[in-house]
N, C-alpha and C. Protein backbone atom coordinates (compact mmCIF):
# COMPACT_ATOMS: atom_id res chain seq x y z
N UNK A 1 -26.00 22.96 -27.73
CA UNK A 1 -24.78 23.75 -27.87
C UNK A 1 -25.11 25.24 -27.33
N UNK A 2 -24.11 25.55 -26.50
CA UNK A 2 -24.28 26.96 -25.82
C UNK A 2 -23.69 28.07 -26.70
N UNK A 3 -24.64 29.03 -27.02
CA UNK A 3 -24.19 30.08 -27.91
C UNK A 3 -23.47 31.16 -27.21
N UNK A 4 -22.05 31.04 -27.09
CA UNK A 4 -21.12 31.86 -26.46
C UNK A 4 -21.03 33.08 -27.20
N UNK A 5 -20.82 32.90 -28.44
CA UNK A 5 -20.40 34.05 -29.37
C UNK A 5 -21.51 35.25 -29.26
N UNK A 6 -22.75 34.89 -29.01
CA UNK A 6 -23.66 36.06 -29.05
C UNK A 6 -23.52 36.57 -27.65
N UNK A 7 -23.25 35.99 -26.66
CA UNK A 7 -23.22 36.47 -25.37
C UNK A 7 -22.13 37.70 -25.32
N UNK A 8 -21.05 37.61 -26.12
CA UNK A 8 -19.93 38.54 -26.10
C UNK A 8 -20.05 39.29 -27.32
N UNK A 9 -20.91 39.20 -28.03
CA UNK A 9 -21.01 39.80 -29.37
C UNK A 9 -21.76 41.14 -29.31
N UNK A 10 -22.62 41.30 -28.29
CA UNK A 10 -23.46 42.46 -28.27
C UNK A 10 -24.52 42.46 -29.13
N UNK A 11 -25.17 41.28 -29.68
CA UNK A 11 -26.14 41.43 -30.65
C UNK A 11 -27.42 40.77 -30.15
N UNK A 12 -27.66 41.16 -28.70
CA UNK A 12 -28.66 40.52 -28.12
C UNK A 12 -30.26 40.84 -28.66
N UNK A 13 -30.24 42.05 -29.53
CA UNK A 13 -31.48 42.56 -30.08
C UNK A 13 -31.82 42.07 -31.31
N UNK A 14 -30.96 41.22 -31.93
CA UNK A 14 -31.38 40.83 -33.29
C UNK A 14 -32.32 39.74 -33.52
N UNK A 15 -33.05 39.66 -34.52
CA UNK A 15 -33.94 38.69 -34.75
C UNK A 15 -33.49 37.18 -34.68
N UNK A 16 -32.21 37.23 -35.11
CA UNK A 16 -31.62 35.89 -35.15
C UNK A 16 -31.30 35.45 -33.61
N UNK A 17 -30.97 36.20 -32.66
CA UNK A 17 -30.82 35.80 -31.34
C UNK A 17 -32.20 35.42 -30.80
N UNK A 18 -33.27 36.44 -30.97
CA UNK A 18 -34.67 36.06 -30.61
C UNK A 18 -35.12 34.64 -30.91
N UNK A 19 -34.88 34.49 -32.08
CA UNK A 19 -35.12 33.10 -32.81
C UNK A 19 -34.37 32.04 -32.00
N UNK A 20 -33.11 32.35 -31.74
CA UNK A 20 -32.21 31.28 -30.96
C UNK A 20 -32.70 31.00 -29.47
N UNK A 21 -33.14 31.87 -28.97
CA UNK A 21 -33.88 31.86 -27.54
C UNK A 21 -34.96 31.22 -27.52
N UNK A 22 -36.01 31.48 -28.74
CA UNK A 22 -37.13 30.74 -28.79
C UNK A 22 -37.05 29.38 -29.04
N UNK A 23 -35.94 28.88 -29.81
CA UNK A 23 -35.81 27.52 -30.25
C UNK A 23 -35.03 26.75 -29.22
N UNK A 24 -34.24 27.54 -28.33
CA UNK A 24 -33.48 26.99 -27.30
C UNK A 24 -33.59 27.60 -26.05
N UNK A 25 -34.77 27.10 -25.31
CA UNK A 25 -35.12 27.79 -23.99
C UNK A 25 -34.23 27.48 -22.85
N UNK A 26 -33.61 26.35 -23.12
CA UNK A 26 -32.65 25.86 -22.03
C UNK A 26 -31.34 26.52 -21.97
N UNK A 27 -30.90 27.27 -23.03
CA UNK A 27 -29.84 27.77 -23.25
C UNK A 27 -29.93 29.30 -22.81
N UNK A 28 -31.11 29.88 -22.43
CA UNK A 28 -31.08 31.14 -21.85
C UNK A 28 -30.39 31.44 -20.68
N UNK A 29 -30.46 30.60 -19.78
CA UNK A 29 -29.63 30.57 -18.47
C UNK A 29 -28.14 30.69 -18.74
N UNK A 30 -27.75 29.68 -19.58
CA UNK A 30 -26.41 29.63 -19.71
C UNK A 30 -25.84 31.02 -20.51
N UNK A 31 -26.56 31.59 -21.33
CA UNK A 31 -26.24 32.93 -21.92
C UNK A 31 -26.17 33.86 -20.96
N UNK A 32 -27.18 33.89 -19.83
CA UNK A 32 -27.28 34.93 -18.91
C UNK A 32 -26.25 34.85 -18.04
N UNK A 33 -25.57 33.63 -17.73
CA UNK A 33 -24.43 33.55 -16.89
C UNK A 33 -23.25 34.15 -17.65
N UNK A 34 -23.02 33.75 -18.85
CA UNK A 34 -22.02 34.53 -19.72
C UNK A 34 -21.84 36.00 -19.57
N UNK A 35 -23.06 36.55 -19.75
CA UNK A 35 -23.26 38.03 -19.63
C UNK A 35 -22.91 38.46 -18.46
N UNK A 36 -23.27 37.78 -17.16
CA UNK A 36 -23.03 38.43 -16.06
C UNK A 36 -21.50 38.30 -15.66
N UNK A 37 -20.77 37.20 -16.16
CA UNK A 37 -19.24 37.01 -16.10
C UNK A 37 -18.71 38.32 -16.98
N UNK A 38 -19.07 38.57 -18.15
CA UNK A 38 -18.74 39.60 -19.03
C UNK A 38 -18.66 40.93 -18.47
N UNK A 39 -20.07 41.22 -18.02
CA UNK A 39 -20.06 42.55 -17.31
C UNK A 39 -19.22 42.57 -16.12
N UNK A 40 -19.13 41.49 -15.37
CA UNK A 40 -18.16 41.64 -14.43
C UNK A 40 -16.76 41.92 -14.67
N UNK A 41 -16.32 41.25 -15.73
CA UNK A 41 -14.92 41.58 -16.11
C UNK A 41 -14.63 42.87 -16.67
N UNK A 42 -15.78 43.41 -17.34
CA UNK A 42 -15.48 44.91 -17.85
C UNK A 42 -15.56 45.88 -16.78
N UNK A 43 -16.32 45.53 -15.67
CA UNK A 43 -16.47 46.60 -14.66
C UNK A 43 -15.12 46.46 -13.76
N UNK A 44 -14.54 45.23 -13.81
CA UNK A 44 -13.37 45.09 -13.17
C UNK A 44 -12.15 45.91 -13.87
N UNK A 45 -12.24 45.82 -15.17
CA UNK A 45 -11.06 46.58 -15.86
C UNK A 45 -11.27 48.00 -15.79
N UNK A 46 -12.71 48.38 -15.89
CA UNK A 46 -12.84 49.89 -15.74
C UNK A 46 -12.39 50.44 -14.33
N UNK A 47 -12.62 49.54 -13.18
CA UNK A 47 -12.35 50.11 -11.97
C UNK A 47 -10.83 50.18 -11.79
N UNK A 48 -10.02 49.20 -12.57
CA UNK A 48 -8.51 49.20 -12.55
C UNK A 48 -8.03 50.39 -13.20
N UNK A 49 -8.68 50.91 -14.37
CA UNK A 49 -8.08 51.97 -15.28
C UNK A 49 -8.53 53.39 -14.39
N UNK A 50 -9.62 53.40 -13.84
CA UNK A 50 -9.91 54.77 -13.12
C UNK A 50 -9.33 54.75 -11.78
N UNK A 51 -9.04 53.74 -11.14
CA UNK A 51 -8.49 53.85 -9.75
C UNK A 51 -7.03 53.70 -9.57
N UNK A 52 -6.17 53.52 -10.77
CA UNK A 52 -4.90 53.42 -10.74
C UNK A 52 -4.12 54.71 -11.01
């Protein structure tokens, strides 16, 4: 299972998430990809707001 909710929840520093990464090493890359997409979307909307 890919832990999508934590990628968008901003709880990356919690012990629960650390334990999740430790128990599911193959999911780290998937979560990283979701975080990159999330950051890109946020930056896009910030650019739209400040450049309009």
